N, C-alpha and C. Protein backbone atom coordinates (compact mmCIF):
# COMPACT_ATOMS: atom_id res chain seq x y z
N UNK A 1 84.98 136.35 119.09
CA UNK A 1 85.30 138.23 119.14
C UNK A 1 85.68 138.94 120.57
N UNK A 2 86.83 139.51 120.42
CA UNK A 2 86.96 140.03 121.69
C UNK A 2 86.25 141.21 122.39
N UNK A 3 86.23 141.43 123.33
CA UNK A 3 85.12 142.58 123.75
C UNK A 3 85.86 143.42 125.10
N UNK A 4 85.60 144.61 124.96
CA UNK A 4 86.52 145.81 125.77
C UNK A 4 85.33 146.27 126.44
N UNK A 5 85.48 146.39 128.02
CA UNK A 5 84.44 146.97 128.95
C UNK A 5 85.11 147.65 129.13
N UNK A 6 83.76 149.25 128.85
CA UNK A 6 84.26 150.73 129.25
C UNK A 6 83.90 150.94 130.89
N UNK A 7 85.01 151.87 131.38
CA UNK A 7 84.17 151.85 132.91
C UNK A 7 83.24 152.94 133.10
N UNK A 8 82.19 152.69 134.09
CA UNK A 8 80.84 153.03 133.69
C UNK A 8 81.05 154.76 134.09
N UNK A 9 82.09 155.27 134.56
CA UNK A 9 82.21 156.78 134.59
C UNK A 9 82.46 157.39 133.54
N UNK A 10 83.21 156.43 132.20
CA UNK A 10 83.37 156.97 131.37
C UNK A 10 82.32 157.05 130.31
N UNK A 11 81.56 156.03 130.70
CA UNK A 11 80.39 155.44 129.79
C UNK A 11 79.32 156.45 129.84
N UNK A 12 79.22 156.99 130.86
CA UNK A 12 78.33 158.22 130.94
C UNK A 12 78.45 159.39 130.19
N UNK A 13 79.74 159.68 130.04
CA UNK A 13 80.46 160.77 129.03
C UNK A 13 80.57 160.84 127.46
N UNK A 14 79.79 159.89 127.21
CA UNK A 14 80.27 159.14 125.91
C UNK A 14 78.29 159.63 124.99
N UNK A 15 78.59 159.69 123.54
CA UNK A 15 77.38 160.14 122.82
C UNK A 15 76.61 158.67 123.06
N UNK A 16 75.28 159.12 122.57
CA UNK A 16 74.64 157.80 122.90
C UNK A 16 74.59 156.92 122.01
N UNK A 17 74.99 157.34 120.86
CA UNK A 17 75.09 156.19 119.84
C UNK A 17 76.57 155.13 119.65
N UNK A 18 77.14 155.47 120.77
CA UNK A 18 78.54 154.58 120.73
C UNK A 18 77.98 153.54 121.92
N UNK A 19 77.36 154.51 123.18
CA UNK A 19 76.92 153.24 123.95
C UNK A 19 76.09 152.28 123.32
N UNK A 20 74.79 153.11 122.44
CA UNK A 20 74.28 152.20 121.98
C UNK A 20 74.65 151.01 121.17
N UNK A 21 75.72 151.62 120.38
CA UNK A 21 76.66 150.48 119.39
C UNK A 21 77.28 149.20 120.18
N UNK A 22 77.60 149.64 121.25
CA UNK A 22 78.49 148.66 122.35
C UNK A 22 77.65 147.57 122.42
N UNK A 23 76.08 148.16 123.34
CA UNK A 23 75.36 147.52 124.05
C UNK A 23 75.04 146.21 122.76
N UNK A 24 74.40 146.51 121.58
CA UNK A 24 74.49 145.68 120.40
C UNK A 24 75.68 144.79 120.25
N UNK A 25 76.96 145.15 120.31
CA UNK A 25 77.89 144.49 119.95
C UNK A 25 77.52 143.11 121.29
N UNK A 26 77.46 143.52 122.46
CA UNK A 26 77.33 142.53 123.58
C UNK A 26 76.59 141.88 123.36
N UNK A 27 75.05 142.08 123.02
CA UNK A 27 74.07 140.75 122.61
C UNK A 27 74.85 140.34 121.34
N UNK A 28 75.30 140.59 120.85
CA UNK A 28 75.75 139.67 119.52
C UNK A 28 76.74 138.60 120.12
N UNK A 29 77.62 139.16 120.98
CA UNK A 29 78.72 138.23 121.45
C UNK A 29 78.16 137.33 122.36
N UNK A 30 77.37 137.83 122.75
CA UNK A 30 76.37 136.34 123.35
C UNK A 30 75.63 135.78 123.03
N UNK A 31 75.23 135.39 121.66
CA UNK A 31 74.50 134.73 120.62
C UNK A 31 75.57 133.94 119.97
N UNK A 32 75.01 133.30 119.39
CA UNK A 32 75.50 131.93 118.98
C UNK A 32 76.32 132.83 118.01
N UNK A 33 77.98 131.75 117.55
CA UNK A 33 78.76 132.49 117.06
C UNK A 33 78.44 132.11 115.45
N UNK A 34 77.52 131.48 115.28
CA UNK A 34 76.95 131.09 113.76
C UNK A 34 75.63 132.18 113.67
N UNK A 35 76.37 132.94 112.55
CA UNK A 35 75.37 134.26 111.98
C UNK A 35 74.83 134.00 111.00
N UNK A 36 73.20 134.00 111.14
CA UNK A 36 72.52 133.77 109.56
C UNK A 36 72.71 135.26 108.59
N UNK A 37 72.36 135.57 107.36
CA UNK A 37 72.26 136.15 106.99
C UNK A 37 71.64 137.61 107.39
N UNK A 38 70.35 137.39 107.95
CA UNK A 38 69.70 138.77 108.70
C UNK A 38 70.16 138.98 109.82
N UNK A 39 70.83 138.69 110.69
CA UNK A 39 72.20 138.81 111.85
C UNK A 39 73.00 139.52 110.95
N UNK A 40 73.49 138.76 110.01
CA UNK A 40 74.90 139.66 109.79
C UNK A 40 74.40 140.76 108.77
N UNK A 41 73.38 141.44 108.28
CA UNK A 41 72.98 142.59 107.78
C UNK A 41 72.77 143.64 108.93
N UNK A 42 72.28 142.81 110.14
CA UNK A 42 71.88 143.56 111.42
C UNK A 42 73.36 144.71 112.07
N UNK A 43 74.34 143.54 111.66
CA UNK A 43 75.61 143.76 112.45
C UNK A 43 75.81 144.64 111.34
N UNK A 44 75.67 144.97 110.05
CA UNK A 44 76.28 146.14 109.35
C UNK A 44 75.83 147.20 109.50
N UNK A 45 74.69 146.99 109.38
CA UNK A 45 73.73 148.20 109.66
C UNK A 45 73.96 149.44 110.87
N UNK A 46 74.24 148.26 111.98
CA UNK A 46 74.99 149.04 112.91
C UNK A 46 75.95 149.63 113.30
N UNK A 47 77.10 148.82 112.06
CA UNK A 47 78.14 149.41 111.61
C UNK A 47 78.55 150.47 111.39
N UNK A 48 77.47 150.68 110.10
CA UNK A 48 77.38 152.01 109.13
C UNK A 48 76.88 153.03 109.75
N UNK A 49 75.83 152.58 110.93
CA UNK A 49 75.11 154.34 111.45
C UNK A 49 76.14 154.63 112.45
N UNK A 50 76.86 153.88 113.20
CA UNK A 50 77.93 154.16 114.31
C UNK A 50 78.80 154.37 113.73
N UNK A 51 79.29 154.25 112.62
CA UNK A 51 80.89 154.58 112.34
C UNK A 51 81.33 155.66 112.59
N UNK A 52 82.89 156.01 112.70
CA UNK A 52 83.77 157.48 112.72
C UNK A 52 83.14 158.09 111.71
N UNK A 53 82.71 159.51 112.13
CA UNK A 53 82.42 160.11 110.60
C UNK A 53 83.76 160.27 109.97
N UNK A 54 84.90 160.40 110.74
CA UNK A 54 86.63 160.96 110.31
C UNK A 54 86.78 159.89 109.18
N UNK A 55 86.64 158.94 110.03
CA UNK A 55 87.07 157.93 109.26
C UNK A 55 86.22 156.77 109.16
N UNK A 56 85.17 156.49 107.69
CA UNK A 56 84.35 156.14 107.59
C UNK A 56 84.75 154.64 106.78
N UNK A 57 83.62 154.19 106.80
CA UNK A 57 84.14 152.42 106.17
C UNK A 57 84.36 152.55 104.74
N UNK A 58 85.35 151.85 104.53
CA UNK A 58 85.78 151.93 102.29
C UNK A 58 85.11 151.55 102.17
N UNK A 59 84.03 151.67 100.98
CA UNK A 59 83.64 150.87 99.89
C UNK A 59 84.05 149.72 100.12
N UNK A 60 85.14 149.40 99.40
CA UNK A 60 85.70 148.30 99.03
C UNK A 60 85.77 147.57 100.37
N UNK A 61 85.76 147.87 101.54
CA UNK A 61 85.80 147.30 102.72
C UNK A 61 84.44 146.21 103.20
N UNK A 62 83.51 147.39 102.97
CA UNK A 62 82.23 146.96 102.94
C UNK A 62 81.88 145.80 101.97
N UNK A 63 82.16 146.27 100.74
CA UNK A 63 81.66 144.79 99.97
C UNK A 63 82.70 143.53 99.82
N UNK A 64 83.86 143.87 100.32
CA UNK A 64 84.67 142.68 100.98
C UNK A 64 84.09 141.69 101.63
N UNK A 65 83.17 142.67 102.47
CA UNK A 65 82.55 141.81 104.24
C UNK A 65 81.44 141.42 103.74
N UNK A 66 80.53 141.69 102.49
CA UNK A 66 79.59 140.59 102.12
C UNK A 66 80.07 140.05 101.10
N UNK A 67 80.87 140.20 100.66
CA UNK A 67 81.27 138.89 99.33
C UNK A 67 81.68 137.19 100.31
N UNK A 68 82.34 138.35 101.46
CA UNK A 68 82.79 136.83 102.23
C UNK A 68 81.95 136.00 102.88
N UNK A 69 81.01 136.60 103.88
CA UNK A 69 79.80 135.99 104.09
C UNK A 69 79.13 135.39 103.16
N UNK A 70 78.89 136.23 102.11
CA UNK A 70 78.13 135.52 100.71
C UNK A 70 78.72 134.26 100.48
N UNK A 71 80.26 133.95 100.61
CA UNK A 71 80.84 133.25 99.74
C UNK A 71 80.53 131.76 100.98
N UNK A 72 80.59 132.62 102.54
CA UNK A 72 80.21 131.37 103.47
C UNK A 72 79.24 130.81 103.24
N UNK A 73 78.55 131.46 103.35
CA UNK A 73 76.96 131.17 102.82
C UNK A 73 76.58 130.23 101.94
N UNK A 74 77.35 130.37 100.51
CA UNK A 74 76.91 129.61 99.90
C UNK A 74 77.64 128.00 99.78
N UNK A 75 78.92 128.08 100.27
CA UNK A 75 79.61 127.11 100.90
C UNK A 75 78.69 126.01 101.37
N UNK A 76 78.42 126.89 102.44
CA UNK A 76 77.38 125.76 103.62
C UNK A 76 76.16 125.56 102.92
N UNK A 77 75.39 126.09 101.94
CA UNK A 77 74.08 125.99 101.14
C UNK A 77 74.70 124.49 100.60
N UNK A 78 75.65 124.51 99.67
CA UNK A 78 76.36 123.62 98.79
C UNK A 78 76.75 122.25 99.56
N UNK A 79 77.17 122.25 100.57
CA UNK A 79 77.45 121.28 101.80
C UNK A 79 76.05 120.68 101.73
N UNK A 80 75.24 120.95 101.93
CA UNK A 80 73.87 120.81 102.20
C UNK A 80 73.28 120.00 101.35
N UNK A 81 73.28 120.85 100.34
CA UNK A 81 72.78 119.85 98.95
C UNK A 81 73.40 118.92 98.86
N UNK A 82 75.32 118.75 98.87
CA UNK A 82 75.97 117.42 98.71
C UNK A 82 75.66 116.39 99.35
N UNK A 83 75.29 116.72 100.86
CA UNK A 83 75.01 115.97 101.33
C UNK A 83 73.84 115.00 101.22
N UNK A 84 72.33 116.12 100.82
CA UNK A 84 71.59 115.45 100.32
C UNK A 84 71.88 114.81 99.54
N UNK A 85 72.21 114.75 98.53
CA UNK A 85 72.42 114.32 97.13
C UNK A 85 73.30 112.61 97.39
N UNK A 86 74.00 112.39 98.07
CA UNK A 86 75.04 111.45 98.33
C UNK A 86 74.19 110.77 99.32
N UNK A 87 73.15 110.97 99.97
CA UNK A 87 72.15 110.31 100.98
C UNK A 87 71.23 109.67 99.61
N UNK A 88 70.62 110.32 98.66
CA UNK A 88 70.05 109.94 98.10
C UNK A 88 70.62 108.93 96.65
N UNK A 89 72.02 109.24 96.47
CA UNK A 89 72.63 108.05 95.90
C UNK A 89 72.96 106.79 96.48
N UNK A 90 73.08 106.46 97.55
CA UNK A 90 73.57 105.84 98.45
C UNK A 90 71.91 104.77 98.52
N UNK A 91 71.10 105.38 99.11
CA UNK A 91 69.20 104.81 98.95
C UNK A 91 69.21 104.11 97.67
N UNK A 92 69.62 105.07 96.29
CA UNK A 92 69.33 104.56 94.97
C UNK A 92 70.54 103.18 94.56
N UNK A 93 71.70 103.23 95.22
CA UNK A 93 72.20 102.18 94.69
C UNK A 93 71.85 100.94 95.62
N UNK A 94 71.42 100.92 96.61
CA UNK A 94 70.72 99.87 97.56
C UNK A 94 69.60 99.52 97.00
N UNK A 95 68.42 100.28 96.41
CA UNK A 95 67.43 99.52 95.69
C UNK A 95 67.98 99.17 94.66
N UNK A 96 68.67 99.70 93.41
CA UNK A 96 68.72 98.68 92.26
C UNK A 96 69.73 97.65 92.81
N UNK A 97 70.33 97.44 93.97
CA UNK A 97 71.42 96.25 94.27
C UNK A 97 70.51 95.34 94.19
N UNK A 98 69.20 95.37 94.94
CA UNK A 98 68.08 93.95 95.53
C UNK A 98 68.04 93.42 93.94
N UNK A 99 68.36 94.32 92.86
CA UNK A 99 67.77 93.32 91.67
C UNK A 99 69.18 91.79 91.73
N UNK A 100 70.30 92.36 92.46
CA UNK A 100 71.06 91.15 92.21
C UNK A 100 70.65 89.62 93.19
N UNK A 101 69.92 90.00 94.02
CA UNK A 101 69.73 88.90 94.71
C UNK A 101 69.01 87.85 94.01
N UNK A 102 69.43 86.79 94.35
CA UNK A 102 69.44 85.35 93.76
C UNK A 102 70.31 84.79 92.60
N UNK A 103 71.06 86.23 92.09
CA UNK A 103 71.59 85.99 90.77
C UNK A 103 72.88 85.50 91.53
N UNK A 104 73.90 84.53 90.79
CA UNK A 104 75.15 84.20 91.28
C UNK A 104 76.50 85.02 90.95
N UNK A 105 77.39 85.14 91.84
CA UNK A 105 78.45 85.83 91.30
C UNK A 105 79.68 84.88 91.52
N UNK A 106 80.86 85.19 91.06
CA UNK A 106 82.09 84.45 91.09
C UNK A 106 82.99 85.00 91.96
N UNK A 107 83.27 84.45 93.16
CA UNK A 107 83.97 85.10 94.23
C UNK A 107 84.70 84.05 94.88
N UNK A 108 85.56 84.55 95.88
CA UNK A 108 86.98 83.35 96.31
C UNK A 108 85.82 82.76 97.18
N UNK A 109 86.52 81.91 97.56
CA UNK A 109 85.96 81.45 99.22
C UNK A 109 86.17 79.53 98.74
N UNK A 110 85.51 78.99 99.75
CA UNK A 110 86.03 77.24 99.91
C UNK A 110 84.58 76.35 99.85
N UNK A 111 83.40 76.98 99.74
CA UNK A 111 82.02 76.67 99.62
C UNK A 111 81.06 76.99 98.69
N UNK A 112 80.83 76.22 97.94
CA UNK A 112 79.61 76.33 96.84
C UNK A 112 78.52 75.69 96.68
N UNK A 113 77.54 75.25 96.34
CA UNK A 113 76.35 74.87 96.37
C UNK A 113 76.09 73.87 94.91
N UNK A 114 75.59 72.53 95.74
CA UNK A 114 75.38 72.13 94.70
C UNK A 114 73.61 71.93 94.37
N UNK A 115 72.81 72.12 93.45
CA UNK A 115 71.24 71.98 93.27
C UNK A 115 71.14 70.77 92.43
N UNK A 116 69.79 70.43 92.89
CA UNK A 116 69.33 69.68 91.60
C UNK A 116 68.93 70.15 90.19
N UNK A 117 68.83 71.57 90.15
CA UNK A 117 68.66 71.99 88.72
C UNK A 117 69.81 73.01 88.45
N UNK A 118 70.80 72.69 89.14
CA UNK A 118 72.16 73.86 88.48
C UNK A 118 73.38 72.43 88.98
N UNK A 119 74.44 72.37 88.83
CA UNK A 119 75.73 72.08 88.97
C UNK A 119 76.09 72.99 89.96
N UNK A 120 77.53 72.54 90.46
CA UNK A 120 78.36 73.09 91.33
C UNK A 120 79.59 73.47 90.47
N UNK A 121 79.45 75.11 90.07
CA UNK A 121 80.71 75.45 89.23
C UNK A 121 81.95 76.28 89.62
N UNK A 122 82.64 76.93 88.84
CA UNK A 122 83.49 77.32 89.85
C UNK A 122 84.71 77.54 88.83
N UNK A 123 86.06 78.26 89.36
CA UNK A 123 87.47 78.52 88.23
C UNK A 123 88.32 78.74 89.30
N UNK A 124 89.46 77.53 88.76
CA UNK A 124 90.83 77.99 89.36
C UNK A 124 91.43 79.04 88.94
N UNK A 125 91.95 79.61 89.29
CA UNK A 125 92.92 80.67 89.10
C UNK A 125 94.41 80.46 89.51
N UNK A 126 95.03 80.45 88.74
CA UNK A 126 96.38 80.24 88.54
C UNK A 126 97.39 81.52 88.24
N UNK A 127 98.29 81.86 89.02
CA UNK A 127 98.70 83.39 88.75
C UNK A 127 100.17 82.53 88.52
N UNK A 128 101.22 81.87 88.14
CA UNK A 128 102.46 81.39 87.28
C UNK A 128 102.10 79.77 86.84
N UNK A 129 102.65 79.58 86.17
CA UNK A 129 102.80 78.27 85.59
C UNK A 129 103.23 77.15 86.66
N UNK A 130 102.22 76.13 86.54
CA UNK A 130 102.41 75.07 87.41
C UNK A 130 102.59 73.84 86.84
N UNK A 131 103.06 72.66 87.77
CA UNK A 131 103.22 71.42 87.04
C UNK A 131 102.07 70.66 86.86
N UNK A 132 101.09 70.88 88.04
CA UNK A 132 100.08 69.99 87.92
C UNK A 132 98.91 70.93 88.99
N UNK A 133 97.73 70.81 88.75
CA UNK A 133 96.48 71.46 89.78
C UNK A 133 95.48 70.60 89.67
N UNK A 134 95.27 70.16 91.22
CA UNK A 134 93.75 68.93 91.21
C UNK A 134 92.65 70.01 91.90
N UNK A 135 91.59 69.63 91.64
CA UNK A 135 90.60 70.46 92.23
C UNK A 135 89.70 69.00 92.96
N UNK A 136 89.82 69.38 94.78
CA UNK A 136 88.88 68.39 95.32
C UNK A 136 87.47 68.92 95.57
N UNK A 137 86.74 68.27 95.43
CA UNK A 137 85.37 68.25 96.52
C UNK A 137 85.45 67.25 97.50
N UNK A 138 84.73 67.61 98.59
CA UNK A 138 84.23 67.15 99.59
C UNK A 138 83.21 67.58 100.29
N UNK A 139 82.66 66.49 100.93
CA UNK A 139 81.39 66.67 101.88
C UNK A 139 81.83 67.27 103.01
N UNK A 140 80.68 67.41 104.17
CA UNK A 140 80.36 68.10 104.76
C UNK A 140 81.16 67.48 105.80
N UNK A 141 81.68 66.03 106.14
CA UNK A 141 82.88 64.92 106.97
C UNK A 141 84.22 65.04 106.50
N UNK A 142 84.67 65.88 105.09
CA UNK A 142 85.18 66.06 104.72
C UNK A 142 86.07 64.86 103.15
N UNK A 143 84.88 63.62 103.43
CA UNK A 143 85.38 62.92 102.08
C UNK A 143 85.27 63.34 100.63
N UNK A 144 86.35 62.85 100.11
CA UNK A 144 86.37 63.37 98.72
C UNK A 144 85.47 62.57 97.82
N UNK A 145 84.46 63.77 97.12
CA UNK A 145 83.71 62.86 96.44
C UNK A 145 84.13 63.47 95.21
N UNK A 146 84.41 64.15 94.82
CA UNK A 146 84.97 64.45 93.39
C UNK A 146 86.70 64.85 92.67
N UNK A 147 87.43 64.60 92.22
CA UNK A 147 88.29 65.61 91.95
C UNK A 147 88.62 65.57 90.03
N UNK A 148 89.30 66.50 90.17
CA UNK A 148 89.56 67.34 89.01
C UNK A 148 91.37 67.29 88.57
N UNK A 149 91.60 66.79 88.18
CA UNK A 149 93.14 67.01 87.28
C UNK A 149 93.52 67.70 86.37
N UNK A 150 93.80 69.30 86.49
CA UNK A 150 94.05 69.75 85.26
C UNK A 150 95.56 69.35 84.51
N UNK A 151 96.45 68.98 85.27
CA UNK A 151 97.64 68.46 84.51
C UNK A 151 98.91 70.00 84.49
N UNK A 152 99.30 69.81 83.74
CA UNK A 152 100.37 71.17 84.04
C UNK A 152 99.61 72.27 83.20
N UNK A 153 99.74 73.53 83.97
CA UNK A 153 98.92 74.63 83.39
C UNK A 153 99.61 75.91 83.53
N UNK A 154 99.66 76.79 83.01
CA UNK A 154 100.08 78.00 82.72
C UNK A 154 99.15 79.48 83.37
N UNK A 155 99.28 80.18 84.19
CA UNK A 155 99.05 81.27 84.36
C UNK A 155 97.38 81.85 83.63
N UNK A 156 96.37 81.57 84.45
CA UNK A 156 95.06 82.01 83.40
C UNK A 156 93.82 81.26 84.65
N UNK A 157 92.93 81.53 84.17
CA UNK A 157 91.28 80.80 84.85
C UNK A 157 91.08 79.80 84.02
N UNK A 158 90.99 78.36 85.21
CA UNK A 158 90.26 76.99 84.65
C UNK A 158 88.87 76.62 84.69
N UNK A 159 87.67 76.97 84.60
CA UNK A 159 86.77 76.97 84.55
C UNK A 159 86.38 74.89 85.47
N UNK A 160 85.37 74.43 85.82
CA UNK A 160 85.24 73.49 85.94
C UNK A 160 83.61 73.19 86.81
N UNK A 161 83.09 72.24 86.42
CA UNK A 161 81.93 71.72 86.90
C UNK A 161 81.48 70.33 87.53
N UNK A 162 80.70 70.23 88.54
CA UNK A 162 79.90 68.96 89.14
C UNK A 162 78.53 68.87 89.02
N UNK A 163 78.30 68.08 88.49
CA UNK A 163 76.71 67.65 88.17
C UNK A 163 76.67 66.77 89.45
N UNK A 164 77.56 66.47 90.21
CA UNK A 164 76.59 65.72 91.33
C UNK A 164 76.87 64.35 91.06
N UNK A 165 77.42 64.12 89.75
CA UNK A 165 77.59 62.26 89.61
C UNK A 165 78.51 61.78 90.26
N UNK A 166 78.34 60.61 90.76
CA UNK A 166 79.31 59.61 91.59
C UNK A 166 79.71 58.49 90.77
N UNK A 167 80.51 57.72 91.34
CA UNK A 167 81.18 56.48 90.84
C UNK A 167 79.74 55.35 91.28
N UNK A 168 79.52 54.17 90.13
CA UNK A 168 78.86 53.66 90.30
C UNK A 168 76.79 53.79 90.17
N UNK A 169 77.28 55.33 89.46
CA UNK A 169 75.68 55.73 88.76
C UNK A 169 74.98 56.65 90.10
N UNK A 170 75.23 56.30 90.87
CA UNK A 170 74.58 57.08 92.27
C UNK A 170 75.13 58.95 91.60
N UNK A 171 74.17 59.80 92.56
CA UNK A 171 74.41 61.34 92.83
C UNK A 171 74.30 61.79 94.03
N UNK A 172 74.85 62.43 93.55
CA UNK A 172 75.16 62.98 95.44
C UNK A 172 74.40 64.24 96.21
N UNK A 173 73.56 64.05 97.19
CA UNK A 173 72.62 65.00 97.31
C UNK A 173 72.90 66.33 97.08
N UNK A 174 72.26 67.09 97.09
CA UNK A 174 72.17 68.77 97.04
C UNK A 174 72.94 69.23 98.31
N UNK A 175 72.89 70.20 98.24
CA UNK A 175 73.60 70.87 99.23
C UNK A 175 75.06 71.52 99.09
N UNK A 176 75.80 72.05 100.13
CA UNK A 176 76.82 72.66 100.52
C UNK A 176 78.29 71.79 100.43
N UNK A 177 79.45 71.95 99.25
CA UNK A 177 80.28 71.03 99.32
C UNK A 177 81.38 71.46 99.64
N UNK A 178 82.25 71.45 100.22
CA UNK A 178 83.68 72.19 100.25
C UNK A 178 84.54 71.86 98.80
N UNK A 179 85.57 72.87 98.62
CA UNK A 179 85.92 72.84 97.66
C UNK A 179 88.05 73.03 97.76
N UNK A 180 88.59 72.44 97.36
CA UNK A 180 90.03 72.64 97.92
C UNK A 180 90.82 72.29 96.65
N UNK A 181 91.91 73.57 96.30
CA UNK A 181 92.81 73.57 95.23
C UNK A 181 94.15 73.01 95.38
N UNK A 182 94.76 72.16 94.86
CA UNK A 182 96.42 71.79 95.29
C UNK A 182 96.84 71.99 94.29
N UNK A 183 97.79 72.99 93.77
CA UNK A 183 98.98 73.26 92.90
C UNK A 183 100.34 72.22 93.38
N UNK A 184 101.27 71.89 92.27
CA UNK A 184 101.89 71.16 92.21
C UNK A 184 102.83 71.93 91.55
N UNK A 185 104.38 72.05 91.82
CA UNK A 185 105.31 73.21 91.22
C UNK A 185 106.86 72.79 91.83
N UNK A 186 107.34 72.18 90.85
CA UNK A 186 108.63 71.65 91.44
C UNK A 186 108.88 71.01 92.52
N UNK A 187 107.80 69.67 92.48
CA UNK A 187 107.64 68.81 93.34
C UNK A 187 106.97 69.23 94.72
N UNK A 188 106.86 70.45 95.05
CA UNK A 188 105.99 71.26 96.05
C UNK A 188 104.56 71.30 95.86
N UNK A 189 103.79 71.18 97.02
CA UNK A 189 102.10 71.01 96.68
C UNK A 189 101.77 72.23 97.49
N UNK A 190 100.95 72.85 97.12
CA UNK A 190 100.70 74.08 97.93
C UNK A 190 99.47 74.52 97.44
N UNK A 191 98.95 75.82 98.25
CA UNK A 191 97.09 75.39 98.17
C UNK A 191 96.86 76.38 97.01
N UNK A 192 96.02 76.31 96.19
CA UNK A 192 95.50 77.13 95.15
C UNK A 192 94.43 77.60 95.47
N UNK A 193 93.80 78.93 94.56
CA UNK A 193 92.87 79.56 94.84
C UNK A 193 91.64 78.73 93.77
N UNK A 194 90.28 78.80 94.67
CA UNK A 194 89.06 78.64 93.76
C UNK A 194 88.12 79.64 93.97
N UNK A 195 87.66 80.25 92.50
CA UNK A 195 86.42 81.21 92.42
C UNK A 195 85.39 80.16 92.36
N UNK A 196 84.24 80.29 93.04
CA UNK A 196 82.71 79.56 92.91
C UNK A 196 81.63 80.36 92.92
N UNK A 197 81.05 80.07 91.86
CA UNK A 197 79.42 79.97 91.85
C UNK A 197 78.81 80.61 92.84
N UNK A 198 78.21 81.48 93.39
CA UNK A 198 77.44 81.47 94.58
C UNK A 198 76.32 82.23 94.30
N UNK A 199 74.99 81.97 95.07
CA UNK A 199 73.87 82.79 95.03
C UNK A 199 74.15 84.01 96.32
N UNK A 200 73.20 85.19 95.52
CA UNK A 200 73.01 86.33 96.70
C UNK A 200 72.07 86.32 97.28
N UNK A 201 72.42 86.39 98.65
CA UNK A 201 71.20 86.04 99.60
C UNK A 201 70.49 87.54 99.97
N UNK A 202 70.72 88.34 100.04
CA UNK A 202 70.54 89.45 100.35
C UNK A 202 71.88 90.92 100.18
N UNK A 203 71.59 91.77 100.25
CA UNK A 203 72.44 93.16 99.73
C UNK A 203 72.71 93.79 101.08
N UNK A 204 73.75 94.41 101.21
CA UNK A 204 73.67 95.83 102.15
C UNK A 204 74.79 96.72 101.78
N UNK A 205 74.57 97.88 103.00
CA UNK A 205 75.75 98.90 102.35
C UNK A 205 76.62 99.11 103.58
N UNK A 206 77.95 99.09 103.19
CA UNK A 206 78.84 99.91 104.55
C UNK A 206 79.28 100.96 103.54
N UNK A 207 79.03 102.16 104.37
CA UNK A 207 78.97 103.05 104.07
C UNK A 207 78.82 103.31 102.46
N UNK A 208 79.23 103.75 101.51
CA UNK A 208 78.91 103.72 100.19
C UNK A 208 79.53 102.52 99.19
N UNK A 209 79.85 101.51 100.01
CA UNK A 209 80.27 100.10 99.24
C UNK A 209 78.86 99.43 99.24
N UNK A 210 78.70 98.53 97.81
CA UNK A 210 77.41 97.70 98.23
C UNK A 210 77.97 96.37 98.41
N UNK A 211 77.45 95.83 99.80
CA UNK A 211 77.81 94.46 100.14
C UNK A 211 77.05 93.34 99.70
N UNK A 212 77.56 92.23 99.04
CA UNK A 212 76.71 91.00 98.14
C UNK A 212 76.83 90.13 99.73
N UNK A 213 75.63 89.33 100.45
CA UNK A 213 75.72 88.55 101.35
C UNK A 213 75.15 87.27 100.47
N UNK A 214 75.93 86.55 100.65
CA UNK A 214 75.75 85.16 99.81
C UNK A 214 75.66 84.06 100.98
N UNK A 215 74.46 83.31 99.88
CA UNK A 215 73.82 81.71 100.61
C UNK A 215 74.97 81.01 101.40
N UNK A 216 76.27 81.21 100.91
CA UNK A 216 77.54 80.28 101.87
C UNK A 216 77.91 81.41 103.08
N UNK A 217 77.40 82.29 103.28
CA UNK A 217 77.71 82.96 104.46
C UNK A 217 78.39 84.19 104.51
N UNK A 218 79.19 83.88 103.03
CA UNK A 218 80.12 85.34 102.72
C UNK A 218 79.70 86.12 102.06
N UNK A 219 80.41 87.11 102.59
CA UNK A 219 80.50 89.10 101.90
C UNK A 219 81.03 89.35 101.16
N UNK A 220 80.48 89.69 100.13
CA UNK A 220 81.59 89.89 99.23
C UNK A 220 81.35 91.37 98.82
N UNK A 221 82.02 92.44 98.49
CA UNK A 221 81.93 94.00 97.93
C UNK A 221 81.49 94.02 96.42
N UNK A 222 80.68 94.30 95.90
CA UNK A 222 80.61 94.51 94.83
C UNK A 222 81.61 94.41 93.39
N UNK A 223 82.34 95.63 94.15
CA UNK A 223 83.12 96.12 93.20
C UNK A 223 84.96 95.13 93.13
N UNK A 224 84.09 94.05 94.47
CA UNK A 224 85.08 92.90 93.75
C UNK A 224 84.97 91.76 93.08
N UNK A 225 83.94 91.75 92.56
CA UNK A 225 82.66 90.71 91.72
C UNK A 225 83.61 91.35 89.80
N UNK A 226 83.91 90.00 89.35
CA UNK A 226 84.32 90.62 88.08
C UNK A 226 83.48 89.48 87.37
N UNK A 227 82.38 88.63 88.06
CA UNK A 227 81.73 87.85 87.02
C UNK A 227 80.39 87.68 87.53
N UNK A 228 79.27 87.81 86.92
CA UNK A 228 78.02 87.69 87.63
C UNK A 228 76.97 86.91 86.62
N UNK A 229 75.79 86.61 86.99
CA UNK A 229 75.33 85.53 86.07
C UNK A 229 74.21 85.13 86.79
């Protein structure tokens, strides 16, 4: 708000109402630029009391200023309510997502867990026809413990499972194993994509997105999970 300083020589000759109005304006300039409803009504009252009798404020102008302030005030209150609602929704999503802890999700990765009471399971995702596909399951030192040959395959998802059985009648120890996929097309081998069932260890929030922290150390967004059990 721009202000005009009236010289003291001229100020003395002005009516008391005008000098009083100027003093009120100066106080409001020095205050915060954000006005509350009470402050706005005080300014409007002062403006009406000190308006020029020869050029009074039009009713439409007065109502327009009132409507403008009311709109701005309503938008401010609405923004506060929406922010509070958004925060409540985020908290609610985090609490409800706690029920996912302990469940298994199918997500991209190279490590899956073999347990005594459950096999290591996953899916090979093929996006275009191939001449052959092989799944390799390796232990911590890279030794191949089991292989699954899918043969020629078209685009789609191909599930596999390993219960830990080894040749000779022995069983592999429970724990994490590396899973690699090799695709063969036109005589050339390329790395494929494995989706593995992995347990959810904990949940967290990244903005408004629920993040699942898996037992294999990976983190996946809930929106990216297509299968859960």
